[in-house]
Amino acid sequence: MLLSAIQHTQLYVAAYSLSHWRIAAFIWMGLVALGLFWMLWRIWRQKPDRWLINANALSLLVVWYT
């Protein structure tokens, strides 16, 4: 579903040019994808729940300050 949303947004960008809301949508989808990656990493490496919360919070802070 995430990949479909990314592709749909890319088609809008190609057709109607880039806007601030579309840039925000790409950033949000990137954060969601990163969150899914952290969940899979947590399961694979058997990390605690607190680690997942910290990883997602750190990802959000990095994007926010960038």
PDB file of N, CA and C in Angstrom:
ATOM      1  N   MET A   1       0.821  -1.179   0.000  1.00  0.00           N
ATOM      2  CA  MET A   1       0.000   0.000   0.000  1.00  0.00           C
ATOM      3  C   MET A   1       0.874   1.255   0.000  1.00  0.00           C
ATOM      4  N   LEU A   2       1.963   1.208   0.751  1.00  0.00           N
ATOM      5  CA  LEU A   2       2.870   2.353   0.800  1.00  0.00           C
ATOM      6  C   LEU A   2       3.493   2.608  -0.567  1.00  0.00           C
ATOM      7  N   LEU A   3       3.925   1.552  -1.228  1.00  0.00           N
ATOM      8  CA  LEU A   3       4.528   1.722  -2.555  1.00  0.00           C
ATOM      9  C   LEU A   3       3.519   2.280  -3.559  1.00  0.00           C
ATOM     10  N   SER A   4       2.264   1.860  -3.458  1.00  0.00           N
ATOM     11  CA  SER A   4       1.222   2.383  -4.327  1.00  0.00           C
ATOM     12  C   SER A   4       1.008   3.871  -4.079  1.00  0.00           C
ATOM     13  N   ALA A   5       1.024   4.296  -2.810  1.00  0.00           N
ATOM     14  CA  ALA A   5       0.855   5.713  -2.491  1.00  0.00           C
ATOM     15  C   ALA A   5       2.028   6.536  -3.016  1.00  0.00           C
ATOM     16  N   ILE A   6       3.234   5.998  -2.917  1.00  0.00           N
ATOM     17  CA  ILE A   6       4.412   6.698  -3.440  1.00  0.00           C
ATOM     18  C   ILE A   6       4.306   6.853  -4.953  1.00  0.00           C
ATOM     19  N   GLN A   7       3.914   5.774  -5.632  1.00  0.00           N
ATOM     20  CA  GLN A   7       3.784   5.838  -7.086  1.00  0.00           C
ATOM     21  C   GLN A   7       2.699   6.832  -7.491  1.00  0.00           C
ATOM     22  N   HIS A   8       1.600   6.832  -6.790  1.00  0.00           N
ATOM     23  CA  HIS A   8       0.496   7.754  -7.082  1.00  0.00           C
ATOM     24  C   HIS A   8       0.955   9.202  -6.916  1.00  0.00           C
ATOM     25  N   THR A   9       1.688   9.477  -5.861  1.00  0.00           N
ATOM     26  CA  THR A   9       2.196  10.831  -5.632  1.00  0.00           C
ATOM     27  C   THR A   9       3.189  11.231  -6.715  1.00  0.00           C
ATOM     28  N   GLN A  10       4.033  10.309  -7.137  1.00  0.00           N
ATOM     29  CA  GLN A  10       4.989  10.612  -8.212  1.00  0.00           C
ATOM     30  C   GLN A  10       4.264  10.959  -9.504  1.00  0.00           C
ATOM     31  N   LEU A  11       3.170  10.274  -9.799  1.00  0.00           N
ATOM     32  CA  LEU A  11       2.401  10.591 -11.003  1.00  0.00           C
ATOM     33  C   LEU A  11       1.802  11.991 -10.923  1.00  0.00           C
ATOM     34  N   TYR A  12       1.301  12.372  -9.748  1.00  0.00           N
ATOM     35  CA  TYR A  12       0.782  13.730  -9.569  1.00  0.00           C
ATOM     36  C   TYR A  12       1.879  14.774  -9.735  1.00  0.00           C
ATOM     37  N   VAL A  13       3.045  14.495  -9.209  1.00  0.00           N
ATOM     38  CA  VAL A  13       4.162  15.439  -9.330  1.00  0.00           C
ATOM     39  C   VAL A  13       4.535  15.608 -10.792  1.00  0.00           C
ATOM     40  N   ALA A  14       4.583  14.507 -11.526  1.00  0.00           N
ATOM     41  CA  ALA A  14       4.932  14.579 -12.947  1.00  0.00           C
ATOM     42  C   ALA A  14       3.875  15.348 -13.745  1.00  0.00           C
ATOM     43  N   ALA A  15       2.614  15.185 -13.391  1.00  0.00           N
ATOM     44  CA  ALA A  15       1.546  15.812 -14.163  1.00  0.00           C
ATOM     45  C   ALA A  15       1.299  17.268 -13.773  1.00  0.00           C
ATOM     46  N   TYR A  16       1.363  17.580 -12.486  1.00  0.00           N
ATOM     47  CA  TYR A  16       0.934  18.899 -12.025  1.00  0.00           C
ATOM     48  C   TYR A  16       2.030  19.728 -11.364  1.00  0.00           C
ATOM     49  N   SER A  17       3.222  19.264 -11.378  1.00  0.00           N
ATOM     50  CA  SER A  17       4.384  19.896 -10.746  1.00  0.00           C
ATOM     51  C   SER A  17       4.362  19.700  -9.226  1.00  0.00           C
ATOM     52  N   LEU A  18       5.471  19.985  -8.609  1.00  0.00           N
ATOM     53  CA  LEU A  18       5.659  19.708  -7.190  1.00  0.00           C
ATOM     54  C   LEU A  18       5.085  20.827  -6.335  1.00  0.00           C
ATOM     55  N   SER A  19       4.398  20.473  -5.276  1.00  0.00           N
ATOM     56  CA  SER A  19       3.888  21.467  -4.336  1.00  0.00           C
ATOM     57  C   SER A  19       4.391  21.123  -2.935  1.00  0.00           C
ATOM     58  N   HIS A  20       4.182  22.041  -2.001  1.00  0.00           N
ATOM     59  CA  HIS A  20       4.644  21.823  -0.627  1.00  0.00           C
ATOM     60  C   HIS A  20       3.949  20.621   0.008  1.00  0.00           C
ATOM     61  N   TRP A  21       2.681  20.428  -0.283  1.00  0.00           N
ATOM     62  CA  TRP A  21       1.949  19.309   0.312  1.00  0.00           C
ATOM     63  C   TRP A  21       2.454  17.979  -0.228  1.00  0.00           C
ATOM     64  N   ARG A  22       2.860  17.962  -1.477  1.00  0.00           N
ATOM     65  CA  ARG A  22       3.380  16.707  -2.043  1.00  0.00           C
ATOM     66  C   ARG A  22       4.754  16.393  -1.476  1.00  0.00           C
ATOM     67  N   ILE A  23       5.554  17.412  -1.241  1.00  0.00           N
ATOM     68  CA  ILE A  23       6.841  17.190  -0.584  1.00  0.00           C
ATOM     69  C   ILE A  23       6.607  16.635   0.818  1.00  0.00           C
ATOM     70  N   ALA A  24       5.645  17.205   1.526  1.00  0.00           N
ATOM     71  CA  ALA A  24       5.311  16.712   2.865  1.00  0.00           C
ATOM     72  C   ALA A  24       4.822  15.266   2.802  1.00  0.00           C
ATOM     73  N   ALA A  25       4.055  14.924   1.769  1.00  0.00           N
ATOM     74  CA  ALA A  25       3.568  13.548   1.624  1.00  0.00           C
ATOM     75  C   ALA A  25       4.730  12.583   1.410  1.00  0.00           C
ATOM     76  N   PHE A  26       5.727  12.972   0.595  1.00  0.00           N
ATOM     77  CA  PHE A  26       6.896  12.126   0.387  1.00  0.00           C
ATOM     78  C   PHE A  26       7.666  11.939   1.692  1.00  0.00           C
ATOM     79  N   ILE A  27       7.815  12.995   2.462  1.00  0.00           N
ATOM     80  CA  ILE A  27       8.522  12.893   3.743  1.00  0.00           C
ATOM     81  C   ILE A  27       7.761  11.967   4.683  1.00  0.00           C
ATOM     82  N   TRP A  28       6.435  12.136   4.753  1.00  0.00           N
ATOM     83  CA  TRP A  28       5.623  11.294   5.620  1.00  0.00           C
ATOM     84  C   TRP A  28       5.720   9.825   5.209  1.00  0.00           C
ATOM     85  N   MET A  29       5.633   9.547   3.896  1.00  0.00           N
ATOM     86  CA  MET A  29       5.737   8.166   3.428  1.00  0.00           C
ATOM     87  C   MET A  29       7.122   7.587   3.719  1.00  0.00           C
ATOM     88  N   GLY A  30       8.143   8.428   3.647  1.00  0.00           N
ATOM     89  CA  GLY A  30       9.478   7.974   4.005  1.00  0.00           C
ATOM     90  C   GLY A  30       9.568   7.591   5.474  1.00  0.00           C
ATOM     91  N   LEU A  31       8.934   8.387   6.332  1.00  0.00           N
ATOM     92  CA  LEU A  31       8.915   8.056   7.764  1.00  0.00           C
ATOM     93  C   LEU A  31       8.145   6.763   8.027  1.00  0.00           C
ATOM     94  N   VAL A  32       7.042   6.578   7.320  1.00  0.00           N
ATOM     95  CA  VAL A  32       6.273   5.335   7.482  1.00  0.00           C
ATOM     96  C   VAL A  32       7.103   4.141   7.033  1.00  0.00           C
ATOM     97  N   ALA A  33       7.780   4.264   5.898  1.00  0.00           N
ATOM     98  CA  ALA A  33       8.633   3.173   5.418  1.00  0.00           C
ATOM     99  C   ALA A  33       9.758   2.890   6.406  1.00  0.00           C
ATOM    100  N   LEU A  34      10.353   3.927   6.952  1.00  0.00           N
ATOM    101  CA  LEU A  34      11.413   3.740   7.937  1.00  0.00           C
ATOM    102  C   LEU A  34      10.873   3.070   9.201  1.00  0.00           C
ATOM    103  N   GLY A  35       9.666   3.447   9.614  1.00  0.00           N
ATOM    104  CA  GLY A  35       9.036   2.807  10.761  1.00  0.00           C
ATOM    105  C   GLY A  35       8.785   1.322  10.526  1.00  0.00           C
ATOM    106  N   LEU A  36       8.344   0.977   9.313  1.00  0.00           N
ATOM    107  CA  LEU A  36       8.160  -0.439   8.979  1.00  0.00           C
ATOM    108  C   LEU A  36       9.487  -1.182   9.002  1.00  0.00           C
ATOM    109  N   PHE A  37      10.524  -0.536   8.488  1.00  0.00           N
ATOM    110  CA  PHE A  37      11.856  -1.143   8.530  1.00  0.00           C
ATOM    111  C   PHE A  37      12.290  -1.380   9.969  1.00  0.00           C
ATOM    112  N   TRP A  38      12.104  -0.391  10.851  1.00  0.00           N
ATOM    113  CA  TRP A  38      12.495  -0.553  12.259  1.00  0.00           C
ATOM    114  C   TRP A  38      11.713  -1.687  12.919  1.00  0.00           C
ATOM    115  N   MET A  39      10.421  -1.839  12.567  1.00  0.00           N
ATOM    116  CA  MET A  39       9.644  -2.938  13.143  1.00  0.00           C
ATOM    117  C   MET A  39      10.193  -4.293  12.717  1.00  0.00           C
ATOM    118  N   LEU A  40      10.510  -4.419  11.433  1.00  0.00           N
ATOM    119  CA  LEU A  40      11.080  -5.675  10.953  1.00  0.00           C
ATOM    120  C   LEU A  40      12.446  -5.944  11.587  1.00  0.00           C
ATOM    121  N   TRP A  41      13.246  -4.908  11.727  1.00  0.00           N
ATOM    122  CA  TRP A  41      14.569  -5.046  12.353  1.00  0.00           C
ATOM    123  C   TRP A  41      14.421  -5.486  13.815  1.00  0.00           C
ATOM    124  N   ARG A  42      13.450  -4.880  14.507  1.00  0.00           N
ATOM    125  CA  ARG A  42      13.202  -5.240  15.906  1.00  0.00           C
ATOM    126  C   ARG A  42      12.819  -6.707  16.036  1.00  0.00           C
ATOM    127  N   ILE A  43      11.930  -7.175  15.143  1.00  0.00           N
ATOM    128  CA  ILE A  43      11.504  -8.578  15.189  1.00  0.00           C
ATOM    129  C   ILE A  43      12.674  -9.499  14.871  1.00  0.00           C
ATOM    130  N   TRP A  44      13.424  -9.154  13.827  1.00  0.00           N
ATOM    131  CA  TRP A  44      14.533 -10.003  13.393  1.00  0.00           C
ATOM    132  C   TRP A  44      15.628 -10.081  14.450  1.00  0.00           C
ATOM    133  N   ARG A  45      15.950  -8.947  15.071  1.00  0.00           N
ATOM    134  CA  ARG A  45      17.032  -8.901  16.062  1.00  0.00           C
ATOM    135  C   ARG A  45      16.544  -9.078  17.501  1.00  0.00           C
ATOM    136  N   GLN A  46      15.241  -9.267  17.686  1.00  0.00           N
ATOM    137  CA  GLN A  46      14.619  -9.472  18.996  1.00  0.00           C
ATOM    138  C   GLN A  46      14.965  -8.351  19.979  1.00  0.00           C
ATOM    139  N   LYS A  47      14.739  -7.141  19.532  1.00  0.00           N
ATOM    140  CA  LYS A  47      14.972  -5.961  20.361  1.00  0.00           C
ATOM    141  C   LYS A  47      13.742  -5.695  21.228  1.00  0.00           C
ATOM    142  N   PRO A  48      13.896  -5.002  22.344  1.00  0.00           N
ATOM    143  CA  PRO A  48      12.732  -4.686  23.196  1.00  0.00           C
ATOM    144  C   PRO A  48      11.858  -3.584  22.585  1.00  0.00           C
ATOM    145  N   ASP A  49      10.646  -3.471  23.113  1.00  0.00           N
ATOM    146  CA  ASP A  49       9.702  -2.459  22.618  1.00  0.00           C
ATOM    147  C   ASP A  49      10.257  -1.049  22.776  1.00  0.00           C
ATOM    148  N   ARG A  50      10.938  -0.811  23.861  1.00  0.00           N
ATOM    149  CA  ARG A  50      11.512   0.523  24.118  1.00  0.00           C
ATOM    150  C   ARG A  50      12.488   0.925  23.015  1.00  0.00           C
ATOM    151  N   TRP A  51      13.233  -0.039  22.493  1.00  0.00           N
ATOM    152  CA  TRP A  51      14.179   0.236  21.410  1.00  0.00           C
ATOM    153  C   TRP A  51      13.443   0.746  20.174  1.00  0.00           C
ATOM    154  N   LEU A  52      12.302   0.127  19.855  1.00  0.00           N
ATOM    155  CA  LEU A  52      11.518   0.540  18.694  1.00  0.00           C
ATOM    156  C   LEU A  52      10.987   1.959  18.866  1.00  0.00           C
ATOM    157  N   ILE A  53      10.505   2.276  20.045  1.00  0.00           N
ATOM    158  CA  ILE A  53      10.013   3.631  20.322  1.00  0.00           C
ATOM    159  C   ILE A  53      11.143   4.642  20.165  1.00  0.00           C
ATOM    160  N   ASN A  54      12.302   4.330  20.708  1.00  0.00           N
ATOM    161  CA  ASN A  54      13.446   5.240  20.594  1.00  0.00           C
ATOM    162  C   ASN A  54      13.919   5.390  19.151  1.00  0.00           C
ATOM    163  N   ALA A  55      13.936   4.298  18.391  1.00  0.00           N
ATOM    164  CA  ALA A  55      14.364   4.362  16.990  1.00  0.00           C
ATOM    165  C   ALA A  55      13.420   5.245  16.176  1.00  0.00           C
ATOM    166  N   ASN A  56      12.109   5.080  16.384  1.00  0.00           N
ATOM    167  CA  ASN A  56      11.136   5.909  15.659  1.00  0.00           C
ATOM    168  C   ASN A  56      11.218   7.371  16.084  1.00  0.00           C
ATOM    169  N   ALA A  57      11.403   7.617  17.369  1.00  0.00           N
ATOM    170  CA  ALA A  57      11.530   8.997  17.843  1.00  0.00           C
ATOM    171  C   ALA A  57      12.778   9.654  17.273  1.00  0.00           C
ATOM    172  N   LEU A  58      13.871   8.920  17.231  1.00  0.00           N
ATOM    173  CA  LEU A  58      15.106   9.461  16.666  1.00  0.00           C
ATOM    174  C   LEU A  58      14.945   9.748  15.174  1.00  0.00           C
ATOM    175  N   SER A  59      14.280   8.860  14.457  1.00  0.00           N
ATOM    176  CA  SER A  59      14.023   9.086  13.029  1.00  0.00           C
ATOM    177  C   SER A  59      13.202  10.354  12.817  1.00  0.00           C
ATOM    178  N   LEU A  60      12.170  10.526  13.633  1.00  0.00           N
ATOM    179  CA  LEU A  60      11.331  11.725  13.529  1.00  0.00           C
ATOM    180  C   LEU A  60      12.138  12.982  13.822  1.00  0.00           C
ATOM    181  N   LEU A  61      12.964  12.947  14.846  1.00  0.00           N
ATOM    182  CA  LEU A  61      13.774  14.117  15.184  1.00  0.00           C
ATOM    183  C   LEU A  61      14.773  14.459  14.086  1.00  0.00           C
ATOM    184  N   VAL A  62      15.378  13.451  13.485  1.00  0.00           N
ATOM    185  CA  VAL A  62      16.330  13.696  12.396  1.00  0.00           C
ATOM    186  C   VAL A  62      15.622  14.372  11.218  1.00  0.00           C
ATOM    187  N   VAL A  63      14.457  13.868  10.845  1.00  0.00           N
ATOM    188  CA  VAL A  63      13.709  14.468   9.722  1.00  0.00           C
ATOM    189  C   VAL A  63      13.255  15.867  10.098  1.00  0.00           C
ATOM    190  N   TRP A  64      12.785  16.046  11.311  1.00  0.00           N
ATOM    191  CA  TRP A  64      12.270  17.337  11.756  1.00  0.00           C
ATOM    192  C   TRP A  64      13.362  18.391  11.742  1.00  0.00           C
ATOM    193  N   TYR A  65      14.545  18.073  12.240  1.00  0.00           N
ATOM    194  CA  TYR A  65      15.619  19.048  12.291  1.00  0.00           C
ATOM    195  C   TYR A  65      16.308  19.260  10.952  1.00  0.00           C
ATOM    196  N   THR A  66      16.140  18.300  10.041  1.00  0.00           N
ATOM    197  CA  THR A  66      16.719  18.456   8.709  1.00  0.00           C
ATOM    198  C   THR A  66      15.887  19.421   7.926  1.00  0.00           C
TER     199      THR A  66
END
